[in-house]
């Protein structure tokens, strides 16, 4: 007897039997969870695809009505994103977990958080995605309430403070790297240390500012006012000029573009780097090695952060398990912009 319907799809247990591995190993590998070696994970995924087994984790978790897609909205301009190598590598990390499972990433940029929330609502109403990846957490973040109201699985990236919100979380420690930078400056004899920070409403900015103040007090350095800025170049230049007017001999910049701005403004003011001013960028990127002098920077792996975020979201979708995953903290890469105090 023949049938015009689709061929029956293998179950996980049948797939495990054909591949000669345990059912648990297949589940771990196809759900992006730890518990199997990289080689075994690759063999299971390859074997599944050879047999036409296209897993839809979300569909299984949501009673067969999943879309096989997860959503990411970045509340920033297209110009800002084009210059941001961090998020390009972060997205690559997401795709490294999603693509082998035939899951797609629905991605869009938005003007602000309100526009991001509107997109989340639209996607939920249209059943466009099975889960959401949320970045750049804010203090008193309105997205947290909205995520609970929508009922979609989600993962927040970068905010240990939101661990109690009942939402999957991927975070990195900011205190240890900040302490290392201030300690390094202190060991080189710097007393007046400045900090050009990002937007005040970002949770990671607030965390870094607290860590900076604590480290400054711990090592007995002079407390200069922290200056905050957004991504607007003119605003950043004004903030940096105001900071340099206070006479620091060392400056920490919140990302690679701000660090380059510090270098540029310093040169325009006749301040030689590193002879008169040492600079450390919080984010490392190819931009930091393209300057003269090359910029000392804190390096973390955006690819691994994206991979971990995808794995946490898949666990939330498939197992309803709001995991909290800590990724490795940033490490200091010394280059020519760092030297002893004048």
Protein backbone atom coordinates (compact mmCIF):
# COMPACT_ATOMS: atom_id res chain seq x y z
CA UNK A 1 0.00 0.00 0.00
CA UNK A 2 1.39 3.39 -0.98
CA UNK A 3 0.86 6.79 0.53
CA UNK A 4 1.18 10.27 -0.88
CA UNK A 5 1.93 11.72 2.55
CA UNK A 6 5.38 12.62 3.82
CA UNK A 7 7.72 9.86 4.93
CA UNK A 8 7.69 9.14 8.63
CA UNK A 9 10.51 10.93 10.40
CA UNK A 10 12.91 8.94 12.57
CA UNK A 11 12.47 9.27 16.29
CA UNK A 12 15.46 10.18 18.44
CA UNK A 13 15.63 6.61 19.76
CA UNK A 14 15.66 5.18 16.23
CA UNK A 15 18.32 7.66 15.22
CA UNK A 16 20.41 6.70 18.26
CA UNK A 17 20.07 2.99 17.39
CA UNK A 18 21.14 3.54 13.78
CA UNK A 19 24.15 5.62 14.84
CA UNK A 20 25.16 3.22 17.63
CA UNK A 21 24.99 5.83 20.40
CA UNK A 22 22.73 6.39 23.38
CA UNK A 23 19.41 8.21 23.20
CA UNK A 24 20.81 10.72 25.70
CA UNK A 25 23.80 11.44 23.46
CA UNK A 26 21.49 12.17 20.51
CA UNK A 27 19.32 14.42 22.68
CA UNK A 28 22.32 16.33 24.01
CA UNK A 29 23.88 16.75 20.57
CA UNK A 30 20.72 17.85 18.74
CA UNK A 31 19.52 20.12 21.54
CA UNK A 32 22.83 22.00 21.80
CA UNK A 33 23.45 20.82 25.34
CA UNK A 34 26.72 19.77 27.02
CA UNK A 35 27.29 16.10 27.77
CA UNK A 36 28.90 14.79 24.57
CA UNK A 37 32.31 15.35 23.05
CA UNK A 38 32.67 17.70 20.05
CA UNK A 39 33.53 14.74 17.82
CA UNK A 40 30.46 12.77 18.90
CA UNK A 41 28.24 15.84 18.52
CA UNK A 42 29.49 16.38 14.96
CA UNK A 43 29.00 12.69 14.08
CA UNK A 44 25.44 12.67 15.40
CA UNK A 45 24.48 15.90 13.62
CA UNK A 46 26.05 14.69 10.36
CA UNK A 47 24.35 11.30 10.66
CA UNK A 48 21.00 12.93 11.36
CA UNK A 49 21.24 15.18 8.33
CA UNK A 50 22.30 12.29 6.07
CA UNK A 51 19.07 10.51 7.07
CA UNK A 52 16.97 13.57 6.34
CA UNK A 53 16.34 14.12 10.03
CA UNK A 54 15.64 17.86 10.32
CA UNK A 55 15.16 18.49 14.03
CA UNK A 56 12.80 21.24 15.05
CA UNK A 57 13.45 21.67 18.75
CA UNK A 58 10.88 24.41 19.13
CA UNK A 59 8.18 22.37 17.40
CA UNK A 60 8.70 19.47 19.81
CA UNK A 61 8.68 21.80 22.81
CA UNK A 62 5.58 23.68 21.70
CA UNK A 63 3.41 20.76 20.77
CA UNK A 64 4.25 20.71 17.06
CA UNK A 65 3.49 24.38 16.41
CA UNK A 66 7.00 25.81 16.48
CA UNK A 67 8.47 27.91 13.70
CA UNK A 68 12.06 26.67 13.79
CA UNK A 69 13.30 30.26 14.20
CA UNK A 70 14.63 32.39 17.05
CA UNK A 71 14.65 36.17 17.09
CA UNK A 72 17.28 38.83 17.79
CA UNK A 73 16.70 42.59 17.75
CA UNK A 74 19.54 45.09 18.14
CA UNK A 75 18.43 48.53 19.24
CA UNK A 76 21.03 50.56 17.37
CA UNK A 77 21.48 52.25 14.03
CA UNK A 78 22.64 50.40 10.94
CA UNK A 79 25.74 52.62 10.84
CA UNK A 80 26.64 51.73 14.43
CA UNK A 81 26.16 48.04 13.74
CA UNK A 82 28.29 48.16 10.59
CA UNK A 83 31.21 49.46 12.67
CA UNK A 84 30.68 46.96 15.50
CA UNK A 85 32.75 43.83 14.92
CA UNK A 86 31.65 42.45 18.29
CA UNK A 87 28.07 41.77 17.20
CA UNK A 88 29.11 40.38 13.83
CA UNK A 89 31.14 37.74 15.66
CA UNK A 90 28.38 37.26 18.24
CA UNK A 91 25.89 36.50 15.48
CA UNK A 92 28.36 34.06 13.93
CA UNK A 93 28.46 32.25 17.29
CA UNK A 94 24.67 32.06 17.37
CA UNK A 95 24.60 30.60 13.89
CA UNK A 96 27.21 27.97 14.79
CA UNK A 97 24.66 26.44 17.19
CA UNK A 98 21.49 27.10 15.22
CA UNK A 99 22.49 26.15 11.68
CA UNK A 100 23.42 22.48 12.37
CA UNK A 101 19.90 22.06 13.80
CA UNK A 102 18.27 23.71 10.77
CA UNK A 103 17.06 26.54 12.99
CA UNK A 104 17.05 30.02 11.51
CA UNK A 105 17.86 33.40 13.07
CA UNK A 106 15.29 36.13 12.50
CA UNK A 107 17.28 39.35 12.88
CA UNK A 108 16.29 43.00 12.80
CA UNK A 109 17.59 46.35 14.01
CA UNK A 110 15.43 48.90 15.83
CA UNK A 111 15.75 52.56 16.77
CA UNK A 112 15.33 52.03 20.51
CA UNK A 113 14.04 49.65 23.19
CA UNK A 114 10.40 50.67 22.62
CA UNK A 115 10.74 49.72 18.96
CA UNK A 116 12.40 46.47 20.00
CA UNK A 117 9.47 45.63 22.28
CA UNK A 118 7.05 46.38 19.45
CA UNK A 119 8.92 43.89 17.26
CA UNK A 120 8.82 41.25 20.00
CA UNK A 121 5.06 41.71 20.28
CA UNK A 122 4.58 41.48 16.51
CA UNK A 123 6.70 38.35 16.22
CA UNK A 124 4.81 36.71 19.07
CA UNK A 125 1.40 37.64 17.62
CA UNK A 126 2.41 36.36 14.18
CA UNK A 127 4.07 33.21 15.60
CA UNK A 128 7.27 34.21 13.78
CA UNK A 129 9.77 32.93 16.37
CA UNK A 130 9.97 30.30 19.10
CA UNK A 131 12.32 32.24 21.38
CA UNK A 132 14.15 35.54 21.76
CA UNK A 133 17.75 36.57 22.37
CA UNK A 134 17.94 39.85 24.32
CA UNK A 135 21.14 41.88 24.54
CA UNK A 136 22.28 45.12 26.18
CA UNK A 137 20.14 44.81 29.35
CA UNK A 138 19.08 48.12 30.88
CA UNK A 139 18.64 49.09 34.49
CA UNK A 140 14.89 48.86 35.16
CA UNK A 141 14.58 47.13 31.79
CA UNK A 142 10.99 47.21 30.42
CA UNK A 143 11.74 44.17 28.23
CA UNK A 144 11.78 41.84 31.26
CA UNK A 145 8.12 42.42 32.05
CA UNK A 146 7.27 42.15 28.37
CA UNK A 147 9.09 38.83 27.98
CA UNK A 148 7.08 37.34 30.85
CA UNK A 149 3.85 38.73 29.40
CA UNK A 150 4.55 37.29 25.95
CA UNK A 151 5.42 33.89 27.39
CA UNK A 152 8.12 33.25 24.81
CA UNK A 153 11.32 31.45 25.87
CA UNK A 154 14.19 33.93 26.02
CA UNK A 155 17.80 34.37 27.00
CA UNK A 156 19.35 37.59 28.30
CA UNK A 157 23.00 38.17 27.42
CA UNK A 158 25.35 40.03 29.74
CA UNK A 159 23.57 40.78 33.01
CA UNK A 160 24.27 38.73 36.12
CA UNK A 161 21.93 41.07 38.01
CA UNK A 162 18.94 39.59 36.13
CA UNK A 163 19.67 36.02 37.23
CA UNK A 164 16.58 35.99 39.47
CA UNK A 165 14.21 37.07 36.68
CA UNK A 166 13.34 33.48 35.73
CA UNK A 167 14.81 33.91 32.25
CA UNK A 168 17.83 32.07 30.82
CA UNK A 169 21.00 34.08 31.26
CA UNK A 170 24.50 34.22 29.76
CA UNK A 171 26.92 36.55 31.49
CA UNK A 172 30.57 37.40 32.01
CA UNK A 173 32.25 38.84 35.09
CA UNK A 174 33.21 42.51 34.58
CA UNK A 175 34.73 43.07 38.02
CA UNK A 176 37.79 40.88 37.55
CA UNK A 177 38.91 42.45 34.24
CA UNK A 178 38.34 46.00 35.50
CA UNK A 179 40.34 45.25 38.64
CA UNK A 180 43.15 43.82 36.52
CA UNK A 181 43.34 46.96 34.37
CA UNK A 182 43.41 49.34 37.35
CA UNK A 183 45.98 47.15 39.12
CA UNK A 184 48.14 47.17 35.99
CA UNK A 185 47.95 50.96 35.80
CA UNK A 186 48.83 51.22 39.49
CA UNK A 187 51.84 48.93 39.08
CA UNK A 188 53.05 51.21 36.28
CA UNK A 189 52.83 54.22 38.59
CA UNK A 190 49.65 55.83 37.26
CA UNK A 191 47.67 57.75 39.86
CA UNK A 192 45.15 59.72 37.78
CA UNK A 193 43.08 57.15 35.91
CA UNK A 194 40.04 58.10 33.83
CA UNK A 195 37.16 56.07 32.48
CA UNK A 196 35.08 56.80 29.37
CA UNK A 197 31.97 54.71 29.92
CA UNK A 198 28.97 53.86 27.77
CA UNK A 199 25.35 54.82 28.30
CA UNK A 200 24.38 55.10 31.97
CA UNK A 201 21.22 53.00 31.62
CA UNK A 202 23.10 49.88 30.45
CA UNK A 203 23.51 47.25 33.16
CA UNK A 204 27.03 46.31 32.07
CA UNK A 205 28.05 50.00 32.19
CA UNK A 206 26.73 50.37 35.73
CA UNK A 207 28.54 47.18 36.74
CA UNK A 208 31.82 48.38 35.24
CA UNK A 209 31.51 51.81 36.86
CA UNK A 210 31.03 50.19 40.27
CA UNK A 211 33.99 47.89 39.66
CA UNK A 212 36.12 50.84 38.53
CA UNK A 213 35.30 52.87 41.66
CA UNK A 214 36.04 49.87 43.87
CA UNK A 215 39.39 49.18 42.18
CA UNK A 216 40.42 52.86 42.30
CA UNK A 217 39.77 52.91 46.05
CA UNK A 218 41.48 49.56 46.56
CA UNK A 219 44.73 50.70 44.92
CA UNK A 220 44.65 54.25 46.31
CA UNK A 221 44.38 56.03 42.97
CA UNK A 222 42.88 59.49 42.42
CA UNK A 223 39.14 59.35 41.69
CA UNK A 224 38.43 61.25 38.46
CA UNK A 225 34.79 61.76 37.40
CA UNK A 226 33.57 59.02 35.06
CA UNK A 227 32.28 60.42 31.76
CA UNK A 228 29.46 58.72 29.87
CA UNK A 229 28.74 58.75 26.16
CA UNK A 230 26.66 56.99 23.53
CA UNK A 231 27.64 56.04 19.99
CA UNK A 232 27.38 59.53 18.50
CA UNK A 233 30.94 60.50 17.38
CA UNK A 234 30.63 64.21 18.20
CA UNK A 235 29.25 63.47 21.67
CA UNK A 236 32.03 60.96 22.27
CA UNK A 237 34.69 63.50 21.30
CA UNK A 238 33.23 66.08 23.69
CA UNK A 239 33.12 63.54 26.54
CA UNK A 240 36.72 62.48 25.91
CA UNK A 241 37.92 66.10 25.73
CA UNK A 242 36.24 66.81 29.06
CA UNK A 243 37.95 63.80 30.62
CA UNK A 244 41.39 64.68 29.25
CA UNK A 245 40.97 68.21 30.58
CA UNK A 246 41.20 66.66 34.06
CA UNK A 247 44.78 65.54 33.39
CA UNK A 248 44.66 61.72 33.58
CA UNK A 249 47.80 59.76 32.71
CA UNK A 250 45.77 56.62 31.92
CA UNK A 251 42.31 56.09 30.44
CA UNK A 252 40.00 53.09 30.09
CA UNK A 253 37.56 53.30 27.18
CA UNK A 254 34.39 51.19 27.15
CA UNK A 255 34.91 49.80 23.64
CA UNK A 256 37.30 49.86 20.70
CA UNK A 257 35.73 52.85 18.94
CA UNK A 258 35.81 54.94 22.11
CA UNK A 259 39.45 53.97 22.63
CA UNK A 260 40.27 55.19 19.12
CA UNK A 261 38.42 58.42 19.93
CA UNK A 262 40.57 58.85 23.05
CA UNK A 263 43.68 58.36 20.92
CA UNK A 264 42.48 60.82 18.27
CA UNK A 265 41.45 63.55 20.73
CA UNK A 266 44.68 63.14 22.68
CA UNK A 267 46.73 63.64 19.51
CA UNK A 268 44.71 66.73 18.59
CA UNK A 269 45.51 68.18 22.03
CA UNK A 270 49.21 67.44 21.71
CA UNK A 271 49.08 64.61 24.26
CA UNK A 272 51.47 61.85 23.17
CA UNK A 273 50.39 58.23 23.56
CA UNK A 274 51.84 56.41 25.44
CA UNK A 275 54.47 58.95 26.59
CA UNK A 276 51.92 61.19 28.30
CA UNK A 277 48.83 59.00 28.28
CA UNK A 278 48.23 55.22 28.41
CA UNK A 279 45.02 53.84 26.90
CA UNK A 280 43.20 50.52 27.40
CA UNK A 281 40.14 49.52 25.37
CA UNK A 282 37.53 47.32 27.07
CA UNK A 283 36.82 45.53 23.77
CA UNK A 284 39.56 44.13 21.56
CA UNK A 285 39.11 44.07 17.79
CA UNK A 286 41.16 44.45 14.61
CA UNK A 287 40.61 48.20 15.03
CA UNK A 288 42.84 48.13 18.12
CA UNK A 289 45.79 46.77 16.14
CA UNK A 290 45.31 49.15 13.19
CA UNK A 291 46.12 52.32 15.17
CA UNK A 292 49.47 53.95 15.92
CA UNK A 293 50.33 52.95 18.54
CA UNK A 294 48.35 49.69 18.72
CA UNK A 295 45.88 49.77 21.60
CA UNK A 296 46.09 47.57 24.69
CA UNK A 297 42.70 45.91 25.09
CA UNK A 298 40.58 43.47 27.06
CA UNK A 299 39.77 40.50 24.86
CA UNK A 300 36.73 38.27 25.18
CA UNK A 301 35.29 35.87 22.66
CA UNK A 302 32.03 37.18 21.11
CA UNK A 303 31.71 33.94 19.12
CA UNK A 304 31.68 31.88 22.33
CA UNK A 305 29.21 34.32 23.89
CA UNK A 306 26.87 33.86 20.93
CA UNK A 307 27.28 30.09 20.97
CA UNK A 308 26.50 29.99 24.70
CA UNK A 309 23.47 32.26 24.24
CA UNK A 310 22.05 29.96 21.56
CA UNK A 311 22.67 26.87 23.71
CA UNK A 312 20.94 28.48 26.70
CA UNK A 313 17.93 29.46 24.60
CA UNK A 314 17.64 25.98 23.07
CA UNK A 315 17.68 24.47 26.57
CA UNK A 316 14.92 26.89 27.60
CA UNK A 317 12.85 26.01 24.52
CA UNK A 318 13.29 22.24 24.65
CA UNK A 319 13.51 21.62 28.41
CA UNK A 320 11.91 24.76 29.91
CA UNK A 321 15.13 25.10 31.87
CA UNK A 322 16.24 28.70 32.54
CA UNK A 323 19.98 28.08 32.69
CA UNK A 324 22.51 30.66 33.87
CA UNK A 325 25.75 30.23 31.90
CA UNK A 326 28.92 32.11 32.85
CA UNK A 327 31.43 32.61 30.05
CA UNK A 328 35.14 33.31 30.57
CA UNK A 329 35.94 36.89 31.66
CA UNK A 330 37.94 39.20 29.42
CA UNK A 331 41.74 39.02 29.53
CA UNK A 332 44.24 41.86 29.03
CA UNK A 333 46.26 41.96 25.82
CA UNK A 334 49.17 44.38 26.21
CA UNK A 335 50.21 46.55 23.27
CA UNK A 336 52.15 49.78 22.78
CA UNK A 337 49.49 52.15 24.18
CA UNK A 338 50.35 51.01 27.71
CA UNK A 339 53.50 52.12 29.54
CA UNK A 340 54.76 53.61 32.79
CA UNK A 341 53.35 56.87 34.11
CA UNK A 342 55.19 60.01 32.96
